[in-house]
Amino acid sequence: MKVMEYINAHREDEEPCECMILPDGEVREPLPSHIEALEEIAGERAAVLNGHMEKNMEPLFWLVEYTRCMSVWQTRVVSPSVPTQAQEETLEELYHAAFLSPGYLVQKADRSYAESVRKAKEGIYGRKGAGREDGRK
């Protein structure tokens, strides 16, 4: 949904802000959880994604980098290493609507996550293209 739709739908909520911002700036509810919603957006089974994730990495940061989505709470934002302009604008709108706390924490996936995700995508997409000569399985 558009950010203003989200703001209007949740303006009277007693619970603090909790959402995801997609690369195009659209806002989505993180249902049933941020991790599970990111896995759904990734379009891969959790086992496949976990098989490519390095053991020392936090799944939330890895999935944020993989999907390029932001996970947002009232006091904290977990962002891909390079957020889109649309994401930055949506985040600013949430802040100006008082959905984010002053001084909220922004944490970005670092280069190690970006490199891990790049390798994972090569492995996953390479596997999908493997099979018959015409690329079909």
C-alpha atoms as a PDB file:
ATOM      1  CA  MET A   1       0.000   0.000   0.000  1.00  0.00           C
ATOM      2  CA  LYS A   2       1.044   3.608  -0.398  1.00  0.00           C
ATOM      3  CA  VAL A   3       2.584   5.253   2.649  1.00  0.00           C
ATOM      4  CA  MET A   4      -0.368   7.605   3.166  1.00  0.00           C
ATOM      5  CA  GLU A   5      -2.753   4.633   3.107  1.00  0.00           C
ATOM      6  CA  TYR A   6      -0.633   2.984   5.807  1.00  0.00           C
ATOM      7  CA  ILE A   7      -0.491   6.171   7.884  1.00  0.00           C
ATOM      8  CA  ASN A   8      -4.248   6.694   7.634  1.00  0.00           C
ATOM      9  CA  ALA A   9      -4.992   3.049   8.452  1.00  0.00           C
ATOM     10  CA  HIS A  10      -2.771   3.098  11.564  1.00  0.00           C
ATOM     11  CA  ARG A  11      -3.093   6.647  12.834  1.00  0.00           C
ATOM     12  CA  GLU A  12      -5.260   5.588  15.797  1.00  0.00           C
ATOM     13  CA  ASP A  13      -3.269   2.441  16.670  1.00  0.00           C
ATOM     14  CA  GLU A  14      -2.049   2.127  20.229  1.00  0.00           C
ATOM     15  CA  GLU A  15       0.786  -0.122  19.085  1.00  0.00           C
ATOM     16  CA  PRO A  16       3.932   1.543  17.747  1.00  0.00           C
ATOM     17  CA  CYS A  17       4.799   1.586  14.055  1.00  0.00           C
ATOM     18  CA  GLU A  18       5.904  -1.727  12.576  1.00  0.00           C
ATOM     19  CA  CYS A  19       6.094  -2.219   8.821  1.00  0.00           C
ATOM     20  CA  MET A  20       8.285  -3.026   5.853  1.00  0.00           C
ATOM     21  CA  ILE A  21       9.192  -0.640   3.052  1.00  0.00           C
ATOM     22  CA  LEU A  22       9.594  -2.292  -0.342  1.00  0.00           C
ATOM     23  CA  PRO A  23      12.156  -1.002  -2.860  1.00  0.00           C
ATOM     24  CA  ASP A  24       9.414   0.905  -4.729  1.00  0.00           C
ATOM     25  CA  GLY A  25       8.457   2.754  -1.523  1.00  0.00           C
ATOM     26  CA  GLU A  26       5.257   0.777  -0.915  1.00  0.00           C
ATOM     27  CA  VAL A  27       4.535  -0.217   2.690  1.00  0.00           C
ATOM     28  CA  ARG A  28       3.616  -3.731   3.769  1.00  0.00           C
ATOM     29  CA  GLU A  29       2.551  -5.255   7.065  1.00  0.00           C
ATOM     30  CA  PRO A  30       5.219  -7.702   8.369  1.00  0.00           C
ATOM     31  CA  LEU A  31       2.853 -10.625   8.827  1.00  0.00           C
ATOM     32  CA  PRO A  32       3.240 -13.049  10.442  1.00  0.00           C
ATOM     33  CA  SER A  33       6.714 -11.639  11.238  1.00  0.00           C
ATOM     34  CA  HIS A  34       9.444  -9.632   9.534  1.00  0.00           C
ATOM     35  CA  ILE A  35      11.524 -12.753   8.827  1.00  0.00           C
ATOM     36  CA  GLU A  36       8.629 -14.751   7.387  1.00  0.00           C
ATOM     37  CA  ALA A  37       7.380 -11.826   5.305  1.00  0.00           C
ATOM     38  CA  LEU A  38      10.884 -11.286   3.892  1.00  0.00           C
ATOM     39  CA  GLU A  39      11.175 -14.990   3.053  1.00  0.00           C
ATOM     40  CA  GLU A  40       7.846 -14.766   1.221  1.00  0.00           C
ATOM     41  CA  ILE A  41       9.010 -11.694  -0.719  1.00  0.00           C
ATOM     42  CA  ALA A  42      12.269 -13.499  -1.581  1.00  0.00           C
ATOM     43  CA  GLY A  43      10.223 -16.180  -3.318  1.00  0.00           C
ATOM     44  CA  GLU A  44      12.379 -19.006  -2.033  1.00  0.00           C
ATOM     45  CA  ARG A  45      11.878 -21.670   0.595  1.00  0.00           C
ATOM     46  CA  ALA A  46      13.433 -20.806   3.951  1.00  0.00           C
ATOM     47  CA  ALA A  47      15.692 -23.874   3.715  1.00  0.00           C
ATOM     48  CA  VAL A  48      17.137 -22.665   0.394  1.00  0.00           C
ATOM     49  CA  LEU A  49      17.792 -19.186   1.756  1.00  0.00           C
ATOM     50  CA  ASN A  50      19.258 -20.517   5.007  1.00  0.00           C
ATOM     51  CA  GLY A  51      21.521 -22.821   3.018  1.00  0.00           C
ATOM     52  CA  HIS A  52      23.127 -19.806   1.349  1.00  0.00           C
ATOM     53  CA  MET A  53      23.321 -17.612   4.444  1.00  0.00           C
ATOM     54  CA  GLU A  54      26.654 -17.630   6.195  1.00  0.00           C
ATOM     55  CA  LYS A  55      26.478 -19.005   9.737  1.00  0.00           C
ATOM     56  CA  ASN A  56      27.738 -15.839  11.456  1.00  0.00           C
ATOM     57  CA  MET A  57      25.120 -13.581   9.854  1.00  0.00           C
ATOM     58  CA  GLU A  58      21.897 -12.269  11.342  1.00  0.00           C
ATOM     59  CA  PRO A  59      18.965 -13.580   9.270  1.00  0.00           C
ATOM     60  CA  LEU A  60      17.100 -10.260   9.393  1.00  0.00           C
ATOM     61  CA  PHE A  61      20.029  -8.291   7.956  1.00  0.00           C
ATOM     62  CA  TRP A  62      20.695 -10.954   5.332  1.00  0.00           C
ATOM     63  CA  LEU A  63      17.054 -11.097   4.208  1.00  0.00           C
ATOM     64  CA  VAL A  64      16.792  -7.307   4.122  1.00  0.00           C
ATOM     65  CA  GLU A  65      19.809  -7.225   1.808  1.00  0.00           C
ATOM     66  CA  TYR A  66      18.474 -10.134  -0.282  1.00  0.00           C
ATOM     67  CA  THR A  67      15.024  -8.599  -0.801  1.00  0.00           C
ATOM     68  CA  ARG A  68      16.188  -4.956  -0.747  1.00  0.00           C
ATOM     69  CA  CYS A  69      13.319  -4.227   1.704  1.00  0.00           C
ATOM     70  CA  MET A  70      13.529  -2.180   4.902  1.00  0.00           C
ATOM     71  CA  SER A  71      12.234  -3.534   8.198  1.00  0.00           C
ATOM     72  CA  VAL A  72      10.829  -0.698  10.286  1.00  0.00           C
ATOM     73  CA  TRP A  73       9.883  -0.373  13.934  1.00  0.00           C
ATOM     74  CA  GLN A  74       9.100   2.820  15.813  1.00  0.00           C
ATOM     75  CA  THR A  75      12.636   3.074  17.196  1.00  0.00           C
ATOM     76  CA  ARG A  76      14.695   1.062  14.676  1.00  0.00           C
ATOM     77  CA  VAL A  77      15.116   0.607  10.926  1.00  0.00           C
ATOM     78  CA  VAL A  78      17.084  -2.233   9.338  1.00  0.00           C
ATOM     79  CA  SER A  79      18.008  -1.185   5.817  1.00  0.00           C
ATOM     80  CA  PRO A  80      19.696  -2.796   2.840  1.00  0.00           C
ATOM     81  CA  SER A  81      23.227  -1.521   2.211  1.00  0.00           C
ATOM     82  CA  VAL A  82      21.922   0.849  -0.471  1.00  0.00           C
ATOM     83  CA  PRO A  83      18.284   1.866   0.061  1.00  0.00           C
ATOM     84  CA  THR A  84      16.304   3.304  -2.834  1.00  0.00           C
ATOM     85  CA  GLN A  85      15.248   6.931  -3.059  1.00  0.00           C
ATOM     86  CA  ALA A  86      11.622   5.768  -2.804  1.00  0.00           C
ATOM     87  CA  GLN A  87      12.415   3.976   0.482  1.00  0.00           C
ATOM     88  CA  GLU A  88      14.139   7.064   1.889  1.00  0.00           C
ATOM     89  CA  GLU A  89      11.130   9.216   0.956  1.00  0.00           C
ATOM     90  CA  THR A  90       8.676   6.770   2.556  1.00  0.00           C
ATOM     91  CA  LEU A  91      10.777   6.647   5.719  1.00  0.00           C
ATOM     92  CA  GLU A  92      10.767  10.437   5.853  1.00  0.00           C
ATOM     93  CA  GLU A  93       6.971  10.502   5.480  1.00  0.00           C
ATOM     94  CA  LEU A  94       6.609   8.021   8.350  1.00  0.00           C
ATOM     95  CA  TYR A  95       8.887  10.187  10.476  1.00  0.00           C
ATOM     96  CA  HIS A  96       6.964  13.389   9.708  1.00  0.00           C
ATOM     97  CA  ALA A  97       3.701  11.598  10.547  1.00  0.00           C
ATOM     98  CA  ALA A  98       5.210  10.786  13.999  1.00  0.00           C
ATOM     99  CA  PHE A  99       5.308   7.048  13.315  1.00  0.00           C
ATOM    100  CA  LEU A 100       9.039   6.976  14.108  1.00  0.00           C
ATOM    101  CA  SER A 101      10.677   8.127  17.314  1.00  0.00           C
ATOM    102  CA  PRO A 102      13.003  11.109  17.252  1.00  0.00           C
ATOM    103  CA  GLY A 103      16.516   9.749  16.956  1.00  0.00           C
ATOM    104  CA  TYR A 104      15.380   6.327  15.687  1.00  0.00           C
ATOM    105  CA  LEU A 105      18.260   3.949  14.977  1.00  0.00           C
ATOM    106  CA  VAL A 106      19.111   3.098  11.360  1.00  0.00           C
ATOM    107  CA  GLN A 107      21.171  -0.060  10.858  1.00  0.00           C
ATOM    108  CA  LYS A 108      22.369  -0.994   7.373  1.00  0.00           C
ATOM    109  CA  ALA A 109      23.549  -4.332   6.102  1.00  0.00           C
ATOM    110  CA  ASP A 110      27.285  -4.002   5.506  1.00  0.00           C
ATOM    111  CA  ARG A 111      29.501  -5.168   2.649  1.00  0.00           C
ATOM    112  CA  SER A 112      29.807  -8.692   4.002  1.00  0.00           C
ATOM    113  CA  TYR A 113      26.024  -9.113   3.707  1.00  0.00           C
ATOM    114  CA  ALA A 114      26.009  -7.614   0.212  1.00  0.00           C
ATOM    115  CA  GLU A 115      28.738 -10.046  -0.876  1.00  0.00           C
ATOM    116  CA  SER A 116      27.012 -13.035   0.735  1.00  0.00           C
ATOM    117  CA  VAL A 117      23.716 -12.147  -0.963  1.00  0.00           C
ATOM    118  CA  ARG A 118      25.453 -11.680  -4.335  1.00  0.00           C
ATOM    119  CA  LYS A 119      26.948 -15.176  -4.055  1.00  0.00           C
ATOM    120  CA  ALA A 120      23.614 -16.617  -2.922  1.00  0.00           C
ATOM    121  CA  LYS A 121      21.743 -15.100  -5.865  1.00  0.00           C
ATOM    122  CA  GLU A 122      24.351 -16.458  -8.263  1.00  0.00           C
ATOM    123  CA  GLY A 123      23.936 -19.907  -6.718  1.00  0.00           C
ATOM    124  CA  ILE A 124      20.139 -19.802  -6.592  1.00  0.00           C
ATOM    125  CA  TYR A 125      19.615 -18.338 -10.065  1.00  0.00           C
ATOM    126  CA  GLY A 126      22.331 -20.562 -11.497  1.00  0.00           C
ATOM    127  CA  ARG A 127      20.560 -23.606 -10.055  1.00  0.00           C
ATOM    128  CA  LYS A 128      17.224 -22.523 -11.510  1.00  0.00           C
ATOM    129  CA  GLY A 129      18.705 -22.159 -14.974  1.00  0.00           C
ATOM    130  CA  ALA A 130      20.435 -25.548 -14.784  1.00  0.00           C
ATOM    131  CA  GLY A 131      18.834 -28.541 -16.367  1.00  0.00           C
ATOM    132  CA  ARG A 132      17.898 -28.996 -20.001  1.00  0.00           C
ATOM    133  CA  GLU A 133      19.663 -27.199 -22.837  1.00  0.00           C
ATOM    134  CA  ASP A 134      16.718 -24.818 -23.289  1.00  0.00           C
ATOM    135  CA  GLY A 135      17.023 -23.795 -19.598  1.00  0.00           C
ATOM    136  CA  ARG A 136      13.884 -25.632 -18.471  1.00  0.00           C
ATOM    137  CA  LYS A 137      14.014 -28.322 -15.818  1.00  0.00           C
END
